Amino acid sequence: MADTVQSIDRAMQLLDVLSQHVEGVGLLELGERVHLSKSTVHRLLSTLISNGYVKQHEGTGRYHLTMKMFILGSRPIEKLDVLKVARPYLEKLRDLSGEVIHLVIMDGSEILYVDKVESENTVRMYSNIGKRGTLYSTSVGKAMLADLEDEEIRRLWNQIEIIEKTDYTITDFPSFMEEIRDIREKGYAMDRQENELGVKCMGTSVLDYSSRPVAAFSISGPVQRMTDEKVEELARHILDAKKAISQELGYFSK
């Protein structure tokens, strides 16, 4: 085990406990949680307060984290580019699947294609970098919606002109919410020719440090190649990529 500085290690334990309690934590409870004496905890808290990382509520006496922790943590995250972070993972998925990979972001009530990794088997598709698409009929759009609250999904649904793009497009809200629940359970979404006839896609979202979907990516191919067996085989790989990219963007799974 690597050498550690005891006081820093103890201070980090305190910060970890405080980060889990928005309402704050009292001195005695902090001591119990980190198994330290009241005097030791008080000394560590005094140091953290003097450096601006912790504050004590005057009324309750409970200790809280300050925004300085958030600012400190967000600085490197702000410099990360989702395209740059995601690219290696998208290329790996392309090699594993033999299909085209798309990366999109949400722009208002639409999606915007921001990257495309071609394969030798790439099928002609509507999507090109800079093109826009729908949230409700694409796997990437549905994947990002699934990470939002139901009320927010309804609000966006009501803003969108729902068009039956193919005979497979889901156009009623109750059925769409059933689809959302299935996506939340599986971790990825499917577009079963709902956006374009002959094309089947599986997509999942990318989360940032705030647990919000900042992008989504998909594997797309002709229905003849994107069989149920192939989708099941690729599911683990697409979810592994989702986890890796999201972690690089600061997402922390509780």
Protein backbone atom coordinates (compact mmCIF):
# COMPACT_ATOMS: atom_id res chain seq x y z
CA MET A 1 0.00 0.00 0.00
CA ALA A 2 1.30 3.48 -0.88
CA ASP A 3 2.44 5.80 1.91
CA THR A 4 -0.21 8.31 2.99
CA VAL A 5 -0.12 11.53 5.01
CA GLN A 6 -2.42 10.83 7.96
CA SER A 7 -3.84 14.33 8.35
CA ILE A 8 -4.62 14.64 4.63
CA ASP A 9 -6.17 11.19 4.62
CA ARG A 10 -8.40 12.13 7.57
CA ALA A 11 -9.38 15.44 5.97
CA MET A 12 -10.37 13.62 2.78
CA GLN A 13 -12.56 11.29 4.84
CA LEU A 14 -14.33 14.31 6.32
CA LEU A 15 -14.87 15.82 2.88
CA ASP A 16 -16.29 12.55 1.62
CA VAL A 17 -18.82 12.40 4.47
CA LEU A 18 -19.79 16.04 4.03
CA SER A 19 -20.32 15.54 0.29
CA GLN A 20 -23.04 13.00 1.07
CA HIS A 21 -25.07 15.33 3.31
CA VAL A 22 -26.44 18.50 1.72
CA GLU A 23 -28.10 19.42 5.03
CA GLY A 24 -24.73 19.39 6.80
CA VAL A 25 -23.26 17.26 9.56
CA GLY A 26 -22.64 18.00 13.21
CA LEU A 27 -19.27 17.69 14.91
CA LEU A 28 -20.11 14.62 16.99
CA GLU A 29 -21.68 12.78 14.05
CA LEU A 30 -18.64 13.53 11.90
CA GLY A 31 -16.37 12.09 14.56
CA GLU A 32 -18.46 8.93 14.78
CA ARG A 33 -18.52 8.46 11.02
CA VAL A 34 -14.75 8.75 10.55
CA HIS A 35 -13.86 7.22 13.93
CA LEU A 36 -11.91 10.23 15.18
CA SER A 37 -12.02 12.21 18.41
CA LYS A 38 -13.98 15.43 18.66
CA SER A 39 -10.81 17.48 19.08
CA THR A 40 -9.14 15.94 16.01
CA VAL A 41 -12.22 16.51 13.84
CA HIS A 42 -12.50 20.09 15.08
CA ARG A 43 -8.86 20.78 14.24
CA LEU A 44 -9.24 19.33 10.74
CA LEU A 45 -12.44 21.26 10.13
CA SER A 46 -10.78 24.49 11.23
CA THR A 47 -8.08 23.95 8.61
CA LEU A 48 -10.65 23.20 5.91
CA ILE A 49 -12.67 26.26 6.89
CA SER A 50 -9.63 28.53 6.79
CA ASN A 51 -8.91 27.30 3.25
CA GLY A 52 -12.49 27.89 2.13
CA TYR A 53 -13.57 24.29 1.55
CA VAL A 54 -15.96 23.97 4.50
CA LYS A 55 -18.24 26.38 6.34
CA GLN A 56 -20.22 26.14 9.58
CA HIS A 57 -23.85 27.19 9.67
CA GLU A 58 -24.27 29.84 12.35
CA GLY A 59 -27.75 28.70 13.34
CA THR A 60 -27.40 24.91 13.42
CA GLY A 61 -23.66 24.57 13.98
CA ARG A 62 -23.58 21.92 11.24
CA TYR A 63 -20.73 21.77 8.74
CA HIS A 64 -21.21 22.02 4.95
CA LEU A 65 -19.02 21.93 1.89
CA THR A 66 -18.62 25.23 0.07
CA MET A 67 -18.81 25.82 -3.68
CA LYS A 68 -15.01 25.91 -3.73
CA MET A 69 -14.99 22.10 -3.92
CA PHE A 70 -17.29 22.20 -6.94
CA ILE A 71 -15.23 24.91 -8.65
CA LEU A 72 -12.00 23.02 -8.03
CA GLY A 73 -13.43 19.80 -9.41
CA SER A 74 -15.07 21.40 -12.43
CA ARG A 75 -11.95 23.17 -13.74
CA PRO A 76 -10.39 20.15 -15.47
CA ILE A 77 -13.82 18.91 -16.55
CA GLU A 78 -14.60 22.17 -18.34
CA LYS A 79 -11.52 21.67 -20.49
CA LEU A 80 -12.57 18.21 -21.64
CA ASP A 81 -13.98 17.88 -25.13
CA VAL A 82 -16.56 15.11 -25.48
CA LEU A 83 -15.53 14.56 -29.10
CA LYS A 84 -11.89 14.11 -28.15
CA VAL A 85 -12.70 11.88 -25.17
CA ALA A 86 -15.19 9.72 -27.04
CA ARG A 87 -13.27 9.20 -30.30
CA PRO A 88 -11.06 6.24 -29.26
CA TYR A 89 -14.05 4.41 -27.80
CA LEU A 90 -16.14 5.03 -30.90
CA GLU A 91 -13.36 3.70 -33.11
CA LYS A 92 -13.12 0.59 -30.96
CA LEU A 93 -16.87 0.05 -31.27
CA ARG A 94 -16.57 0.48 -35.04
CA ASP A 95 -13.89 -2.22 -35.13
CA LEU A 96 -15.92 -4.56 -32.91
CA SER A 97 -19.19 -4.12 -34.76
CA GLY A 98 -18.11 -3.48 -38.33
CA GLU A 99 -20.80 -0.79 -38.45
CA VAL A 100 -20.96 3.01 -38.53
CA ILE A 101 -20.82 4.85 -35.20
CA HIS A 102 -22.47 8.22 -34.56
CA LEU A 103 -21.98 10.76 -31.80
CA VAL A 104 -24.68 13.36 -31.19
CA ILE A 105 -25.53 16.12 -28.74
CA MET A 106 -28.93 17.46 -27.74
CA ASP A 107 -29.68 20.88 -29.16
CA GLY A 108 -32.99 22.15 -27.84
CA SER A 109 -35.62 19.63 -28.85
CA GLU A 110 -33.43 18.04 -31.55
CA ILE A 111 -30.22 16.08 -31.86
CA LEU A 112 -27.16 17.32 -33.72
CA TYR A 113 -24.71 14.87 -35.30
CA VAL A 114 -21.20 15.92 -34.27
CA ASP A 115 -19.07 12.91 -35.20
CA LYS A 116 -19.30 9.86 -37.41
CA VAL A 117 -16.87 6.93 -37.52
CA GLU A 118 -17.22 5.12 -40.83
CA SER A 119 -16.68 1.42 -41.45
CA GLU A 120 -16.05 -0.55 -44.60
CA ASN A 121 -19.63 -1.78 -44.34
CA THR A 122 -21.16 1.67 -43.82
CA VAL A 123 -24.70 1.85 -45.14
CA ARG A 124 -26.00 5.03 -46.76
CA MET A 125 -27.85 6.92 -44.05
CA TYR A 126 -29.56 10.23 -43.41
CA SER A 127 -26.98 11.18 -40.77
CA ASN A 128 -23.96 13.33 -41.54
CA ILE A 129 -21.94 15.64 -39.29
CA GLY A 130 -23.89 18.85 -38.84
CA LYS A 131 -27.25 17.26 -39.65
CA ARG A 132 -30.12 17.44 -37.20
CA GLY A 133 -32.47 14.69 -36.16
CA THR A 134 -35.35 13.89 -33.87
CA LEU A 135 -35.21 12.94 -30.22
CA TYR A 136 -38.19 10.59 -30.34
CA SER A 137 -37.33 8.38 -33.35
CA THR A 138 -33.57 7.81 -32.94
CA SER A 139 -31.80 5.52 -30.49
CA VAL A 140 -29.46 8.34 -29.43
CA GLY A 141 -32.32 10.75 -28.86
CA LYS A 142 -34.32 8.26 -26.85
CA ALA A 143 -31.23 7.33 -24.82
CA MET A 144 -30.67 10.95 -23.76
CA LEU A 145 -34.34 11.45 -22.95
CA ALA A 146 -34.29 8.34 -20.74
CA ASP A 147 -31.77 10.09 -18.46
CA LEU A 148 -34.16 12.99 -17.84
CA GLU A 149 -37.06 13.20 -15.41
CA ASP A 150 -40.49 12.16 -16.72
CA GLU A 151 -41.78 15.73 -16.43
CA GLU A 152 -38.93 17.04 -18.59
CA ILE A 153 -39.55 14.33 -21.19
CA ARG A 154 -43.23 15.32 -21.35
CA ARG A 155 -42.30 18.99 -21.72
CA LEU A 156 -39.97 18.23 -24.63
CA TRP A 157 -42.52 15.88 -26.21
CA ASN A 158 -45.09 18.66 -26.17
CA GLN A 159 -42.65 21.02 -27.91
CA ILE A 160 -41.93 18.60 -30.74
CA GLU A 161 -44.01 18.03 -33.84
CA ILE A 162 -44.34 14.25 -33.71
CA ILE A 163 -44.17 12.91 -37.26
CA GLU A 164 -44.61 9.28 -38.27
CA LYS A 165 -41.31 8.95 -40.10
CA THR A 166 -41.92 5.25 -40.83
CA ASP A 167 -44.59 2.71 -39.99
CA TYR A 168 -42.48 1.80 -36.92
CA THR A 169 -42.26 5.28 -35.38
CA ILE A 170 -43.76 5.59 -31.89
CA THR A 171 -46.11 8.56 -32.01
CA ASP A 172 -48.19 8.36 -28.81
CA PHE A 173 -46.79 9.45 -25.46
CA PRO A 174 -47.91 6.50 -23.26
CA SER A 175 -46.24 4.00 -25.62
CA PHE A 176 -43.16 6.20 -25.79
CA MET A 177 -42.87 6.25 -21.99
CA GLU A 178 -43.06 2.46 -21.96
CA GLU A 179 -40.07 2.54 -24.31
CA ILE A 180 -38.27 4.96 -21.96
CA ARG A 181 -38.76 2.61 -19.02
CA ASP A 182 -37.30 -0.26 -21.05
CA ILE A 183 -34.28 1.89 -21.97
CA ARG A 184 -33.68 2.79 -18.33
CA GLU A 185 -33.70 -0.90 -17.44
CA LYS A 186 -31.35 -2.01 -20.23
CA GLY A 187 -29.08 1.04 -20.30
CA TYR A 188 -29.34 1.46 -24.06
CA ALA A 189 -32.02 2.36 -26.61
CA MET A 190 -33.10 0.80 -29.89
CA ASP A 191 -34.24 2.36 -33.14
CA ARG A 192 -36.03 -0.44 -34.96
CA GLN A 193 -36.46 1.27 -38.34
CA GLU A 194 -38.32 4.07 -36.52
CA ASN A 195 -36.25 6.81 -38.11
CA GLU A 196 -35.30 5.29 -41.45
CA LEU A 197 -36.54 2.13 -43.16
CA GLY A 198 -33.94 -0.59 -43.46
CA VAL A 199 -31.72 0.83 -40.70
CA LYS A 200 -31.50 -0.43 -37.14
CA CYS A 201 -29.54 1.36 -34.39
CA MET A 202 -28.62 0.82 -30.77
CA GLY A 203 -27.54 3.85 -28.76
CA THR A 204 -26.70 5.01 -25.28
CA SER A 205 -26.08 8.33 -23.56
CA VAL A 206 -22.95 9.93 -22.13
CA LEU A 207 -23.22 11.58 -18.70
CA ASP A 208 -21.12 14.37 -17.22
CA TYR A 209 -20.20 15.30 -13.65
CA SER A 210 -23.73 16.60 -13.03
CA SER A 211 -25.27 13.26 -14.13
CA ARG A 212 -26.86 15.01 -17.12
CA PRO A 213 -26.75 13.50 -20.63
CA VAL A 214 -24.31 15.64 -22.63
CA ALA A 215 -24.11 13.38 -25.68
CA ALA A 216 -25.05 9.97 -27.00
CA PHE A 217 -23.56 7.52 -29.45
CA SER A 218 -24.94 4.68 -31.52
CA ILE A 219 -24.06 1.67 -33.63
CA SER A 220 -26.07 1.72 -36.86
CA GLY A 221 -26.44 -0.80 -39.64
CA PRO A 222 -28.87 -2.46 -42.02
CA VAL A 223 -31.52 -4.65 -40.42
CA GLN A 224 -30.02 -7.69 -42.12
CA ARG A 225 -26.80 -7.30 -40.15
CA MET A 226 -28.13 -5.76 -36.93
CA THR A 227 -29.82 -8.96 -35.80
CA ASP A 228 -31.11 -9.55 -32.26
CA GLU A 229 -28.10 -11.80 -31.66
CA LYS A 230 -25.66 -9.10 -32.77
CA VAL A 231 -27.40 -6.46 -30.64
CA GLU A 232 -27.19 -8.72 -27.60
CA GLU A 233 -23.50 -9.36 -28.30
CA LEU A 234 -22.73 -5.64 -28.65
CA ALA A 235 -24.76 -4.54 -25.62
CA ARG A 236 -21.92 -5.16 -23.16
CA HIS A 237 -19.44 -3.27 -25.32
CA ILE A 238 -21.65 -0.22 -25.81
CA LEU A 239 -22.37 -0.04 -22.07
CA ASP A 240 -18.66 -0.40 -21.26
CA ALA A 241 -17.92 2.52 -23.60
CA LYS A 242 -20.71 4.58 -22.00
CA LYS A 243 -19.20 4.02 -18.56
CA ALA A 244 -15.65 4.83 -19.64
CA ILE A 245 -16.51 8.01 -21.54
CA SER A 246 -18.83 9.26 -18.78
CA GLN A 247 -16.16 8.69 -16.13
CA GLU A 248 -13.64 10.69 -18.16
CA LEU A 249 -16.19 13.50 -18.29
CA GLY A 250 -16.45 13.49 -14.50
CA TYR A 251 -19.48 11.27 -13.95
CA PHE A 252 -19.35 9.33 -10.71
CA SER A 253 -21.76 6.43 -10.25
CA LYS A 254 -23.05 6.15 -6.69
